[in-house]
C-alpha atoms as a PDB file:
ATOM      1  CA  MET A   1       0.000   0.000   0.000  1.00  0.00           C
ATOM      2  CA  THR A   2       2.910   2.392   0.654  1.00  0.00           C
ATOM      3  CA  GLY A   3       4.013   2.127  -2.974  1.00  0.00           C
ATOM      4  CA  LYS A   4       0.494   2.940  -4.232  1.00  0.00           C
ATOM      5  CA  TRP A   5       0.272   6.081  -2.088  1.00  0.00           C
ATOM      6  CA  TRP A   6       3.639   7.352  -3.235  1.00  0.00           C
ATOM      7  CA  ALA A   7       2.683   6.801  -6.862  1.00  0.00           C
ATOM      8  CA  LEU A   8      -0.592   8.715  -6.364  1.00  0.00           C
ATOM      9  CA  VAL A   9       1.130  11.670  -4.654  1.00  0.00           C
ATOM     10  CA  LEU A  10       3.757  11.837  -7.401  1.00  0.00           C
ATOM     11  CA  ALA A  11       1.060  11.858 -10.118  1.00  0.00           C
ATOM     12  CA  ILE A  12      -0.811  14.725  -8.382  1.00  0.00           C
ATOM     13  CA  ALA A  13       2.410  16.756  -8.019  1.00  0.00           C
ATOM     14  CA  VAL A  14       3.216  16.315 -11.726  1.00  0.00           C
ATOM     15  CA  GLN A  15      -0.298  17.533 -12.660  1.00  0.00           C
ATOM     16  CA  LEU A  16       0.026  20.613 -10.455  1.00  0.00           C
ATOM     17  CA  VAL A  17       3.411  21.545 -11.926  1.00  0.00           C
ATOM     18  CA  PHE A  18       2.084  21.119 -15.466  1.00  0.00           C
ATOM     19  CA  LEU A  19      -0.968  23.330 -14.687  1.00  0.00           C
ATOM     20  CA  ALA A  20       1.227  26.071 -13.255  1.00  0.00           C
ATOM     21  CA  VAL A  21       3.468  26.087 -16.366  1.00  0.00           C
ATOM     22  CA  LEU A  22       0.415  26.285 -18.600  1.00  0.00           C
ATOM     23  CA  ILE A  23      -1.075  29.287 -16.723  1.00  0.00           C
ATOM     24  CA  PHE A  24       2.231  31.139 -16.807  1.00  0.00           C
ATOM     25  CA  SER A  25       2.573  30.628 -20.557  1.00  0.00           C
ATOM     26  CA  VAL A  26      -0.912  31.971 -21.311  1.00  0.00           C
ATOM     27  CA  GLN A  27      -0.356  35.100 -19.222  1.00  0.00           C
ATOM     28  CA  TRP A  28       2.912  35.809 -20.969  1.00  0.00           C
ATOM     29  CA  GLN A  29       1.305  35.654 -24.405  1.00  0.00           C
ATOM     30  CA  ASN A  30      -1.565  38.066 -23.472  1.00  0.00           C
ATOM     31  CA  ARG A  31       0.688  40.977 -22.370  1.00  0.00           C
ATOM     32  CA  LYS A  32       0.160  44.273 -24.416  1.00  0.00           C
ATOM     33  CA  PRO A  33       3.208  45.526 -26.327  1.00  0.00           C
ATOM     34  CA  GLU A  34       4.776  48.662 -24.957  1.00  0.00           C
ATOM     35  CA  PRO A  35       4.261  51.820 -27.186  1.00  0.00           C
ATOM     36  CA  VAL A  36       7.217  53.358 -29.015  1.00  0.00           C
ATOM     37  CA  THR A  37       7.539  57.153 -28.511  1.00  0.00           C
ATOM     38  CA  ALA A  38       9.564  59.582 -30.654  1.00  0.00           C
ATOM     39  CA  GLU A  39      10.191  63.270 -30.098  1.00  0.00           C
ATOM     40  CA  LEU A  40       9.690  65.628 -33.068  1.00  0.00           C
ATOM     41  CA  TYR A  41      11.648  68.907 -33.285  1.00  0.00           C
ATOM     42  CA  ALA A  42      12.252  71.431 -35.953  1.00  0.00           C
ATOM     43  CA  PRO A  43      15.717  71.466 -37.273  1.00  0.00           C
ATOM     44  CA  PRO A  44      17.475  74.691 -38.188  1.00  0.00           C
ATOM     45  CA  VAL A  45      17.085  75.836 -41.635  1.00  0.00           C
ATOM     46  CA  LYS A  46      18.745  73.131 -43.285  1.00  0.00           C
ATOM     47  CA  ALA A  47      17.682  70.203 -45.287  1.00  0.00           C
ATOM     48  CA  PRO A  48      14.407  68.785 -44.143  1.00  0.00           C
ATOM     49  CA  VAL A  49      14.622  66.059 -41.595  1.00  0.00           C
ATOM     50  CA  VAL A  50      13.159  62.778 -42.671  1.00  0.00           C
ATOM     51  CA  GLU A  51      11.360  61.042 -39.891  1.00  0.00           C
ATOM     52  CA  PRO A  52      12.470  57.578 -39.419  1.00  0.00           C
ATOM     53  CA  THR A  53       9.979  54.919 -40.344  1.00  0.00           C
ATOM     54  CA  PRO A  54       8.837  53.043 -37.257  1.00  0.00           C
ATOM     55  CA  PRO A  55       9.621  49.386 -37.271  1.00  0.00           C
ATOM     56  CA  PRO A  56       6.736  47.142 -38.168  1.00  0.00           C
ATOM     57  CA  PRO A  57       5.013  45.544 -35.252  1.00  0.00           C
ATOM     58  CA  PRO A  58       6.147  42.043 -34.446  1.00  0.00           C
ATOM     59  CA  PRO A  59       4.070  39.313 -36.046  1.00  0.00           C
ATOM     60  CA  PRO A  60       1.577  37.778 -33.734  1.00  0.00           C
ATOM     61  CA  GLN A  61       2.863  34.718 -31.956  1.00  0.00           C
ATOM     62  CA  PRO A  62       0.808  31.534 -32.443  1.00  0.00           C
ATOM     63  CA  GLN A  63      -1.164  30.517 -29.465  1.00  0.00           C
ATOM     64  CA  PRO A  64       0.501  27.514 -27.843  1.00  0.00           C
ATOM     65  CA  GLN A  65      -1.660  24.479 -27.908  1.00  0.00           C
ATOM     66  CA  PRO A  66      -2.361  23.172 -24.490  1.00  0.00           C
ATOM     67  CA  VAL A  67      -0.343  20.078 -23.773  1.00  0.00           C
ATOM     68  CA  PRO A  68      -2.588  17.325 -22.529  1.00  0.00           C
ATOM     69  CA  PRO A  69      -1.631  16.155 -19.148  1.00  0.00           C
ATOM     70  CA  PRO A  70       0.290  12.906 -19.205  1.00  0.00           C
ATOM     71  CA  LYS A  71      -1.721   9.922 -18.461  1.00  0.00           C
ATOM     72  CA  PRO A  72      -0.935   8.566 -15.088  1.00  0.00           C
ATOM     73  CA  GLU A  73       0.958   5.342 -15.306  1.00  0.00           C
ATOM     74  CA  PRO A  74      -0.925   2.415 -13.916  1.00  0.00           C
ATOM     75  CA  VAL A  75       0.287   1.566 -10.526  1.00  0.00           C
ATOM     76  CA  VAL A  76       1.595  -1.973 -10.667  1.00  0.00           C
ATOM     77  CA  GLU A  77       1.878  -3.599  -7.354  1.00  0.00           C
ATOM     78  CA  LYS A  78       5.229  -5.219  -7.060  1.00  0.00           C
ATOM     79  CA  PRO A  79       5.140  -8.779  -5.767  1.00  0.00           C
ATOM     80  CA  ASP A  80       6.466  -9.379  -2.325  1.00  0.00           C
ATOM     81  CA  GLN A  81      10.047 -10.518  -2.892  1.00  0.00           C
ATOM     82  CA  ARG A  82      10.109 -12.449   0.359  1.00  0.00           C
ATOM     83  CA  ALA A  83       7.055 -14.443  -0.667  1.00  0.00           C
ATOM     84  CA  ALA A  84       8.667 -15.102  -4.063  1.00  0.00           C
ATOM     85  CA  ASP A  85      11.869 -16.222  -2.368  1.00  0.00           C
ATOM     86  CA  ILE A  86       9.907 -18.457  -0.023  1.00  0.00           C
ATOM     87  CA  ALA A  87       7.963 -19.938  -2.935  1.00  0.00           C
ATOM     88  CA  LEU A  88      11.184 -20.448  -4.915  1.00  0.00           C
ATOM     89  CA  LYS A  89      12.871 -22.109  -1.968  1.00  0.00           C
ATOM     90  CA  ALA A  90       9.812 -24.299  -1.406  1.00  0.00           C
ATOM     91  CA  LYS A  91       9.818 -25.278  -5.082  1.00  0.00           C
ATOM     92  CA  GLN A  92      13.541 -26.007  -5.008  1.00  0.00           C
ATOM     93  CA  GLU A  93      13.136 -27.998  -1.800  1.00  0.00           C
ATOM     94  CA  ASP A  94      10.261 -29.958  -3.320  1.00  0.00           C
ATOM     95  CA  GLU A  95      12.362 -30.689  -6.418  1.00  0.00           C
ATOM     96  CA  ARG A  96      15.271 -31.767  -4.231  1.00  0.00           C
ATOM     97  CA  ARG A  97      12.939 -33.971  -2.185  1.00  0.00           C
ATOM     98  CA  LYS A  98      11.469 -35.574  -5.302  1.00  0.00           C
ATOM     99  CA  LYS A  99      14.937 -36.073  -6.760  1.00  0.00           C
ATOM    100  CA  ALA A 100      16.120 -37.577  -3.462  1.00  0.00           C
ATOM    101  CA  GLU A 101      13.096 -39.891  -3.420  1.00  0.00           C
ATOM    102  CA  VAL A 102      13.770 -40.987  -6.999  1.00  0.00           C
ATOM    103  CA  GLU A 103      17.445 -41.553  -6.198  1.00  0.00           C
ATOM    104  CA  ALA A 104      16.521 -43.418  -2.983  1.00  0.00           C
ATOM    105  CA  LYS A 105      14.080 -45.656  -4.871  1.00  0.00           C
ATOM    106  CA  ALA A 106      16.666 -46.302  -7.575  1.00  0.00           C
ATOM    107  CA  ARG A 107      19.273 -47.064  -4.914  1.00  0.00           C
ATOM    108  CA  GLU A 108      16.883 -49.364  -3.082  1.00  0.00           C
ATOM    109  CA  ALA A 109      15.976 -51.110  -6.335  1.00  0.00           C
ATOM    110  CA  LYS A 110      19.672 -51.555  -7.182  1.00  0.00           C
ATOM    111  CA  GLU A 111      20.435 -52.820  -3.675  1.00  0.00           C
ATOM    112  CA  ALA A 112      17.501 -55.245  -3.898  1.00  0.00           C
ATOM    113  CA  GLU A 113      18.681 -56.442  -7.316  1.00  0.00           C
ATOM    114  CA  ASP A 114      22.260 -56.805  -6.073  1.00  0.00           C
ATOM    115  CA  LYS A 115      20.992 -58.679  -3.019  1.00  0.00           C
ATOM    116  CA  ARG A 116      18.857 -60.942  -5.219  1.00  0.00           C
ATOM    117  CA  LYS A 117      21.779 -61.648  -7.535  1.00  0.00           C
ATOM    118  CA  LEU A 118      24.061 -62.297  -4.550  1.00  0.00           C
ATOM    119  CA  GLU A 119      21.503 -64.628  -2.977  1.00  0.00           C
ATOM    120  CA  GLU A 120      21.008 -66.370  -6.313  1.00  0.00           C
ATOM    121  CA  LYS A 121      24.756 -66.746  -6.715  1.00  0.00           C
ATOM    122  CA  ARG A 122      25.032 -68.050  -3.144  1.00  0.00           C
ATOM    123  CA  LEU A 123      22.268 -70.581  -3.796  1.00  0.00           C
ATOM    124  CA  VAL A 124      23.909 -71.693  -7.039  1.00  0.00           C
ATOM    125  CA  GLU A 125      27.268 -72.049  -5.306  1.00  0.00           C
ATOM    126  CA  ALA A 126      25.645 -73.914  -2.405  1.00  0.00           C
ATOM    127  CA  ARG A 127      23.870 -76.199  -4.860  1.00  0.00           C
ATOM    128  CA  GLU A 128      27.067 -76.833  -6.798  1.00  0.00           C
ATOM    129  CA  ARG A 129      28.931 -77.468  -3.533  1.00  0.00           C
ATOM    130  CA  GLN A 130      26.168 -79.833  -2.421  1.00  0.00           C
ATOM    131  CA  LEU A 131      26.302 -81.645  -5.753  1.00  0.00           C
ATOM    132  CA  ARG A 132      30.082 -81.936  -5.479  1.00  0.00           C
ATOM    133  CA  GLU A 133      29.781 -83.230  -1.929  1.00  0.00           C
ATOM    134  CA  MET A 134      27.076 -85.678  -2.955  1.00  0.00           C
ATOM    135  CA  ALA A 135      29.195 -86.840  -5.894  1.00  0.00           C
ATOM    136  CA  ALA A 136      32.180 -87.235  -3.577  1.00  0.00           C
ATOM    137  CA  LEU A 137      30.040 -89.132  -1.074  1.00  0.00           C
ATOM    138  CA  ARG A 138      28.686 -91.371  -3.827  1.00  0.00           C
ATOM    139  CA  ALA A 139      32.174 -92.002  -5.129  1.00  0.00           C
ATOM    140  CA  GLN A 140      33.383 -92.734  -1.610  1.00  0.00           C
ATOM    141  CA  ALA A 141      30.382 -94.970  -0.975  1.00  0.00           C
ATOM    142  CA  GLU A 142      31.038 -96.773  -4.251  1.00  0.00           C
ATOM    143  CA  ARG A 143      34.701 -97.216  -3.334  1.00  0.00           C
ATOM    144  CA  GLU A 144      33.767 -98.435   0.114  1.00  0.00           C
ATOM    145  CA  ALA A 145      31.122-100.727  -1.330  1.00  0.00           C
ATOM    146  CA  GLN A 146      33.649-102.038  -3.818  1.00  0.00           C
ATOM    147  CA  ILE A 147      36.225-102.538  -1.099  1.00  0.00           C
ATOM    148  CA  ARG A 148      33.593-104.134   1.113  1.00  0.00           C
ATOM    149  CA  ALA A 149      32.446-106.363  -1.737  1.00  0.00           C
ATOM    150  CA  GLN A 150      36.014-107.342  -2.440  1.00  0.00           C
ATOM    151  CA  ALA A 151      36.600-108.007   1.228  1.00  0.00           C
ATOM    152  CA  GLU A 152      33.377-110.001   1.479  1.00  0.00           C
ATOM    153  CA  ALA A 153      34.294-111.874  -1.650  1.00  0.00           C
ATOM    154  CA  GLN A 154      37.690-112.623  -0.187  1.00  0.00           C
ATOM    155  CA  VAL A 155      36.072-113.659   3.081  1.00  0.00           C
ATOM    156  CA  ARG A 156      33.611-115.855   1.248  1.00  0.00           C
ATOM    157  CA  ALA A 157      36.400-117.266  -0.824  1.00  0.00           C
ATOM    158  CA  ARG A 158      38.449-117.925   2.315  1.00  0.00           C
ATOM    159  CA  GLU A 159      35.410-119.344   4.048  1.00  0.00           C
ATOM    160  CA  ALA A 160      34.642-121.467   1.060  1.00  0.00           C
ATOM    161  CA  ALA A 161      38.207-122.580   0.861  1.00  0.00           C
ATOM    162  CA  GLU A 162      38.216-123.106   4.583  1.00  0.00           C
ATOM    163  CA  ALA A 163      34.929-124.978   4.430  1.00  0.00           C
ATOM    164  CA  THR A 164      36.234-127.046   1.553  1.00  0.00           C
ATOM    165  CA  ALA A 165      39.441-127.728   3.370  1.00  0.00           C
ATOM    166  CA  GLN A 166      37.527-128.418   6.577  1.00  0.00           C
ATOM    167  CA  SER A 167      35.101-130.693   4.813  1.00  0.00           C
ATOM    168  CA  LYS A 168      37.966-132.501   3.137  1.00  0.00           C
ATOM    169  CA  SER A 169      39.858-132.796   6.391  1.00  0.00           C
ATOM    170  CA  LEU A 170      36.708-133.939   8.192  1.00  0.00           C
ATOM    171  CA  ALA A 171      35.951-136.416   5.422  1.00  0.00           C
ATOM    172  CA  ASP A 172      39.519-137.695   5.576  1.00  0.00           C
ATOM    173  CA  TRP A 173      39.293-138.046   9.367  1.00  0.00           C
ATOM    174  CA  ILE A 174      35.989-139.915   9.230  1.00  0.00           C
ATOM    175  CA  SER A 175      37.323-142.055   6.379  1.00  0.00           C
ATOM    176  CA  ARG A 176      40.305-143.048   8.501  1.00  0.00           C
ATOM    177  CA  ILE A 177      37.991-143.881  11.428  1.00  0.00           C
ATOM    178  CA  GLN A 178      35.756-145.962   9.169  1.00  0.00           C
ATOM    179  CA  ALA A 179      38.733-147.710   7.694  1.00  0.00           C
ATOM    180  CA  LYS A 180      40.031-148.662  11.134  1.00  0.00           C
ATOM    181  CA  VAL A 181      36.607-149.865  12.251  1.00  0.00           C
ATOM    182  CA  LYS A 182      36.062-151.869   9.052  1.00  0.00           C
ATOM    183  CA  GLY A 183      39.399-153.580   9.640  1.00  0.00           C
ATOM    184  CA  ASN A 184      37.957-154.930  12.875  1.00  0.00           C
ATOM    185  CA  VAL A 185      34.534-155.949  11.498  1.00  0.00           C
ATOM    186  CA  ILE A 186      33.935-159.686  11.092  1.00  0.00           C
ATOM    187  CA  VAL A 187      31.198-159.813   8.465  1.00  0.00           C
ATOM    188  CA  PRO A 188      28.705-162.718   9.038  1.00  0.00           C
ATOM    189  CA  SER A 189      28.845-165.335   6.326  1.00  0.00           C
ATOM    190  CA  GLU A 190      25.075-165.406   5.846  1.00  0.00           C
ATOM    191  CA  LEU A 191      24.941-161.589   5.135  1.00  0.00           C
ATOM    192  CA  ALA A 192      23.381-160.911   1.771  1.00  0.00           C
ATOM    193  CA  GLY A 193      23.638-157.677  -0.190  1.00  0.00           C
ATOM    194  CA  ASN A 194      25.305-154.487   1.013  1.00  0.00           C
ATOM    195  CA  PRO A 195      23.142-153.223   3.925  1.00  0.00           C
ATOM    196  CA  GLU A 196      24.008-150.001   5.791  1.00  0.00           C
ATOM    197  CA  ALA A 197      24.270-149.629   9.539  1.00  0.00           C
ATOM    198  CA  ILE A 198      24.500-146.164  11.126  1.00  0.00           C
ATOM    199  CA  PHE A 199      26.070-145.629  14.553  1.00  0.00           C
ATOM    200  CA  GLU A 200      26.569-142.601  16.780  1.00  0.00           C
ATOM    201  CA  VAL A 201      30.002-142.785  18.349  1.00  0.00           C
ATOM    202  CA  VAL A 202      30.853-140.697  21.435  1.00  0.00           C
ATOM    203  CA  GLN A 203      34.559-140.189  22.070  1.00  0.00           C
ATOM    204  CA  LEU A 204      37.071-138.192  24.051  1.00  0.00           C
ATOM    205  CA  PRO A 205      39.524-135.712  22.459  1.00  0.00           C
ATOM    206  CA  THR A 206      42.132-138.441  22.826  1.00  0.00           C
ATOM    207  CA  GLY A 207      40.063-140.720  20.556  1.00  0.00           C
ATOM    208  CA  GLU A 208      38.970-143.084  23.320  1.00  0.00           C
ATOM    209  CA  ILE A 209      35.428-144.311  22.719  1.00  0.00           C
ATOM    210  CA  ILE A 210      32.848-143.749  25.436  1.00  0.00           C
ATOM    211  CA  ASP A 211      29.802-145.205  23.693  1.00  0.00           C
ATOM    212  CA  ALA A 212      28.601-146.543  20.336  1.00  0.00           C
ATOM    213  CA  LYS A 213      24.834-146.453  19.749  1.00  0.00           C
ATOM    214  CA  LEU A 214      23.003-147.934  16.766  1.00  0.00           C
ATOM    215  CA  ARG A 215      20.922-145.233  15.093  1.00  0.00           C
ATOM    216  CA  LYS A 216      19.841-147.218  12.020  1.00  0.00           C
ATOM    217  CA  SER A 217      19.944-150.984  11.701  1.00  0.00           C
ATOM    218  CA  SER A 218      21.185-152.677   8.590  1.00  0.00           C
ATOM    219  CA  GLY A 219      18.372-155.205   8.940  1.00  0.00           C
ATOM    220  CA  ASN A 220      20.848-157.863   9.912  1.00  0.00           C
ATOM    221  CA  ARG A 221      21.323-158.174  13.633  1.00  0.00           C
ATOM    222  CA  ALA A 222      24.512-160.131  13.295  1.00  0.00           C
ATOM    223  CA  TYR A 223      26.059-157.457  11.075  1.00  0.00           C
ATOM    224  CA  ASP A 224      24.927-154.678  13.447  1.00  0.00           C
ATOM    225  CA  ASP A 225      26.525-156.448  16.419  1.00  0.00           C
ATOM    226  CA  ALA A 226      29.695-157.113  14.439  1.00  0.00           C
ATOM    227  CA  VAL A 227      30.045-153.392  13.565  1.00  0.00           C
ATOM    228  CA  GLN A 228      29.421-152.338  17.194  1.00  0.00           C
ATOM    229  CA  ARG A 229      32.088-154.730  18.474  1.00  0.00           C
ATOM    230  CA  ALA A 230      34.506-153.413  15.795  1.00  0.00           C
ATOM    231  CA  ILE A 231      33.893-149.788  16.855  1.00  0.00           C
ATOM    232  CA  LEU A 232      34.615-150.521  20.513  1.00  0.00           C
ATOM    233  CA  LYS A 233      37.662-152.554  19.506  1.00  0.00           C
ATOM    234  CA  SER A 234      39.012-149.597  17.405  1.00  0.00           C
ATOM    235  CA  SER A 235      39.377-147.366  20.487  1.00  0.00           C
ATOM    236  CA  PRO A 236      41.234-145.103  20.520  1.00  0.00           C
ATOM    237  CA  LEU A 237      40.048-143.763  17.172  1.00  0.00           C
ATOM    238  CA  PRO A 238      42.331-141.774  14.844  1.00  0.00           C
ATOM    239  CA  ARG A 239      42.447-138.084  15.738  1.00  0.00           C
ATOM    240  CA  PRO A 240      41.891-135.304  13.170  1.00  0.00           C
ATOM    241  CA  ASP A 241      44.809-133.493  11.612  1.00  0.00           C
ATOM    242  CA  ARG A 242      43.358-130.202  12.845  1.00  0.00           C
ATOM    243  CA  PRO A 243      42.253-130.054  16.471  1.00  0.00           C
ATOM    244  CA  ASP A 244      39.438-127.660  15.614  1.00  0.00           C
ATOM    245  CA  LEU A 245      37.785-130.419  13.581  1.00  0.00           C
ATOM    246  CA  PHE A 246      37.300-132.631  16.591  1.00  0.00           C
ATOM    247  CA  GLN A 247      33.709-133.645  17.253  1.00  0.00           C
ATOM    248  CA  ARG A 248      32.686-135.433  20.427  1.00  0.00           C
ATOM    249  CA  ALA A 249      29.822-137.229  18.689  1.00  0.00           C
ATOM    250  CA  LEU A 250      30.274-138.658  15.235  1.00  0.00           C
ATOM    251  CA  THR A 251      27.714-140.257  12.941  1.00  0.00           C
ATOM    252  CA  LEU A 252      29.370-143.137  11.132  1.00  0.00           C
ATOM    253  CA  LYS A 253      27.951-145.226   8.275  1.00  0.00           C
ATOM    254  CA  PHE A 254      29.148-148.727   7.501  1.00  0.00           C
ATOM    255  CA  ARG A 255      28.531-151.056   4.531  1.00  0.00           C
ATOM    256  CA  PRO A 256      30.192-154.409   4.197  1.00  0.00           C
ATOM    257  CA  THR A 257      31.440-153.899   0.652  1.00  0.00           C
ATOM    258  CA  ASP A 258      32.376-150.154   0.733  1.00  0.00           C
END
């Protein structure tokens, strides 16, 4: 409002000055010209005096046209600079805030993408490591299984060989016992065919016979009795080549012509 008042006062002062100049100019133009006086006197008798011709009156001056008063300039209210500065700062701050938000979102998106890629890489590496470990475990298991199979095969082979050797040794031992008993059997003359008598012989580790029981008769009592007497007569029986083959009770089969 102060600027408006000063502009109004200035316009009024300009109008007053212009009006005063106009009035003064009109008064100066309307002044009457001062009369020119000349004194006439008679000269001595000499040549007549010629009166000087008065100068012509000055031409009338044109009336000055009144100058229209200048139009007052429109009073333009100047914007408040502080408000403009505040608005500019607010706009700049808003732009900075928006830019910061955009940058923050971009940074967050990049961090999320980097984190996703890192997690994906970690998972891939973990999976590859797990696959390698599983492959190593499978290979180790296969090696162990192969070694175990080989060991079991060797054990079975040894056991088979041992069983074969044991069976052979046992068969040889029993064959020697049977041979000794048969050497003491007196076969009855009336025995017909080749009947089989089975006895269970109980002995001591030294080969001494404790008992000889008939488990299956040959069908000929005389032959059964003859075999039993031969078994008791063969004490002590031959001992096995390997002590671990010893059996306290043996099942022995006898045929007269074997």
